[in-house]
Amino acid sequence: MADEARPPLPPFTDETARQKVRLAEDAWNSRDPARVALAYTSDSQWRNRSRFIFGRAEIIAFLEEKWAAEQDYRLIKEIWAHQGNRIAVRFAYEYRNASGEWFRAYGNENWEFAENGLMRRRIASINDLAIDENARKLTFPQGRRPDDFPGLTELGL
């Protein structure tokens, strides 16, 4: 069974690549693993740090584990480059662990899309930095980042 189309579709323009990045950010900020997984092909391949993940069921399990451990998660993504059916992004997210310690994670992702607009490959490199709670910059309410909240460049990240 073919997956439904998920616009915008490749090849991406500057505008549609930015739209795709914002849609991904919004989905991840929902912290809903099933919702996030729908943006990927059923046989999607991920490398997330040192983990290799295959298909939607593994994506959902990974995200459930991730968001159980990363509390008060807030994410901002920013496009870095795009060409054809590929988009490169940089991102930062903040979270606290079960002990109440805060972290900011910095990373880069390379995305490759199928013709129907679903991501078939995601390669993520991520580093965590311990921060004091008063050093947090991603202070918007849980859920979608408000349109008037600054992006990574404006925040100096």
Protein backbone atom coordinates (compact mmCIF):
# COMPACT_ATOMS: atom_id res chain seq x y z
CA MET A 1 0.00 0.00 0.00
CA ALA A 2 1.45 3.37 -1.01
CA ASP A 3 1.77 6.16 1.54
CA GLU A 4 -0.35 9.25 0.96
CA ALA A 5 1.26 12.40 -0.38
CA ARG A 6 2.49 14.88 2.21
CA PRO A 7 3.01 18.32 0.62
CA PRO A 8 5.05 20.25 -0.02
CA LEU A 9 6.57 17.83 -2.50
CA PRO A 10 10.06 17.72 -3.98
CA PRO A 11 11.80 19.21 -5.79
CA PHE A 12 11.81 21.95 -3.17
CA THR A 13 11.97 25.69 -3.76
CA ASP A 14 13.26 28.07 -1.08
CA GLU A 15 9.68 28.63 0.05
CA THR A 16 8.58 24.98 0.10
CA ALA A 17 11.79 23.84 1.81
CA ARG A 18 11.18 26.41 4.58
CA GLN A 19 7.58 25.18 4.86
CA LYS A 20 8.77 21.57 5.17
CA VAL A 21 11.21 22.52 7.95
CA ARG A 22 8.52 24.39 9.90
CA LEU A 23 6.07 21.49 9.54
CA ALA A 24 8.71 19.14 10.93
CA GLU A 25 9.43 21.49 13.84
CA ASP A 26 5.73 21.77 14.63
CA ALA A 27 5.25 18.00 14.59
CA TRP A 28 8.24 17.34 16.86
CA ASN A 29 7.09 20.05 19.30
CA SER A 30 3.75 18.23 19.58
CA ARG A 31 5.67 15.37 21.22
CA ASP A 32 3.19 12.98 19.61
CA PRO A 33 5.23 10.02 18.27
CA ALA A 34 2.41 8.72 16.06
CA ARG A 35 1.92 12.15 14.47
CA VAL A 36 5.65 12.58 13.87
CA ALA A 37 5.99 9.09 12.36
CA LEU A 38 3.38 9.88 9.68
CA ALA A 39 5.85 12.29 8.04
CA TYR A 40 8.17 9.35 7.23
CA THR A 41 7.88 6.53 4.73
CA SER A 42 6.85 3.20 6.21
CA ASP A 43 10.39 1.93 5.52
CA SER A 44 12.20 5.14 6.55
CA GLN A 45 15.82 4.83 7.66
CA TRP A 46 17.27 6.95 10.45
CA ARG A 47 20.62 7.44 12.06
CA ASN A 48 20.05 9.37 15.27
CA ARG A 49 23.33 9.90 17.10
CA SER A 50 24.64 6.31 17.27
CA ARG A 51 21.24 4.60 16.87
CA PHE A 52 19.94 3.14 13.65
CA ILE A 53 16.15 3.10 13.31
CA PHE A 54 14.09 1.45 10.57
CA GLY A 55 10.41 2.04 9.83
CA ARG A 56 7.56 3.77 11.58
CA ALA A 57 7.16 1.29 14.44
CA GLU A 58 10.78 1.83 15.49
CA ILE A 59 10.41 5.60 15.03
CA ILE A 60 7.41 5.63 17.37
CA ALA A 61 9.19 3.48 19.98
CA PHE A 62 12.28 5.69 19.80
CA LEU A 63 10.27 8.91 20.21
CA GLU A 64 8.24 7.51 23.12
CA GLU A 65 11.50 6.67 24.90
CA LYS A 66 13.04 10.02 23.98
CA TRP A 67 10.20 12.18 25.27
CA ALA A 68 9.79 10.12 28.44
CA ALA A 69 13.40 11.02 29.27
CA GLU A 70 13.52 14.57 27.80
CA GLN A 71 10.95 16.54 29.78
CA ASP A 72 9.80 20.08 28.93
CA TYR A 73 11.16 19.57 25.41
CA ARG A 74 11.25 22.63 23.11
CA LEU A 75 12.76 22.59 19.60
CA ILE A 76 13.62 25.08 16.88
CA LYS A 77 14.76 23.99 13.39
CA GLU A 78 16.31 26.23 10.75
CA ILE A 79 16.97 25.41 7.12
CA TRP A 80 20.62 25.26 6.15
CA ALA A 81 20.41 24.22 2.48
CA HIS A 82 18.25 22.32 -0.01
CA GLN A 83 18.49 20.80 -3.45
CA GLY A 84 16.04 18.60 -5.31
CA ASN A 85 14.56 16.14 -2.82
CA ARG A 86 17.04 16.87 0.00
CA ILE A 87 17.01 19.38 2.83
CA ALA A 88 19.71 20.07 5.44
CA VAL A 89 18.71 21.68 8.72
CA ARG A 90 20.33 22.76 11.94
CA PHE A 91 18.45 22.73 15.20
CA ALA A 92 18.59 23.27 18.92
CA TYR A 93 16.32 21.89 21.58
CA GLU A 94 16.16 22.21 25.33
CA TYR A 95 14.95 19.72 27.90
CA ARG A 96 15.40 18.65 31.48
CA ASN A 97 16.06 15.16 32.71
CA ALA A 98 14.28 13.35 35.56
CA SER A 99 16.76 14.89 38.04
CA GLY A 100 15.78 18.40 36.92
CA GLU A 101 19.07 19.13 35.11
CA TRP A 102 18.69 21.24 31.97
CA PHE A 103 20.37 20.61 28.63
CA ARG A 104 20.51 22.23 25.22
CA ALA A 105 21.10 19.87 22.32
CA TYR A 106 22.63 21.20 19.10
CA GLY A 107 22.47 19.28 15.86
CA ASN A 108 22.33 18.94 12.14
CA GLU A 109 20.05 16.74 10.07
CA ASN A 110 20.18 15.64 6.46
CA TRP A 111 16.80 14.69 5.02
CA GLU A 112 15.94 12.83 1.83
CA PHE A 113 12.34 12.70 0.61
CA ALA A 114 10.36 10.32 -1.56
CA GLU A 115 8.37 11.74 -4.46
CA ASN A 116 5.22 11.83 -2.27
CA GLY A 117 6.85 14.23 0.21
CA LEU A 118 7.45 11.68 2.97
CA MET A 119 10.94 11.55 4.43
CA ARG A 120 12.67 8.29 3.58
CA ARG A 121 16.03 9.02 5.19
CA ARG A 122 17.07 11.09 8.21
CA ILE A 123 20.66 11.41 9.38
CA ALA A 124 21.07 13.33 12.65
CA SER A 125 24.23 14.38 14.48
CA ILE A 126 23.54 15.79 17.94
CA ASN A 127 25.54 17.08 20.92
CA ASP A 128 24.19 17.89 24.39
CA LEU A 129 25.36 20.74 26.57
CA ALA A 130 24.39 21.04 30.24
CA ILE A 131 22.93 24.50 30.96
CA ASP A 132 21.60 26.34 33.99
CA GLU A 133 17.84 26.77 33.99
CA ASN A 134 18.28 30.57 33.80
CA ALA A 135 20.32 30.11 30.57
CA ARG A 136 17.33 28.64 28.72
CA LYS A 137 16.39 30.42 25.50
CA LEU A 138 13.58 28.22 24.19
CA THR A 139 10.98 29.48 26.64
CA PHE A 140 7.85 29.42 24.50
CA PRO A 141 4.84 27.44 25.79
CA GLN A 142 4.73 23.67 25.20
CA GLY A 143 3.61 22.86 21.64
CA ARG A 144 4.01 24.85 18.44
CA ARG A 145 6.53 27.69 18.60
CA PRO A 146 4.63 30.97 18.21
CA ASP A 147 5.26 32.74 14.90
CA ASP A 148 6.63 35.79 16.70
CA PHE A 149 9.14 33.79 18.80
CA PRO A 150 12.69 34.24 17.48
CA GLY A 151 14.45 31.55 15.46
CA LEU A 152 17.92 30.13 16.03
CA THR A 153 19.78 32.92 14.26
CA GLU A 154 17.91 35.62 16.17
CA LEU A 155 18.59 33.81 19.47
CA GLY A 156 22.32 33.60 18.71
CA LEU A 157 22.23 29.83 18.57
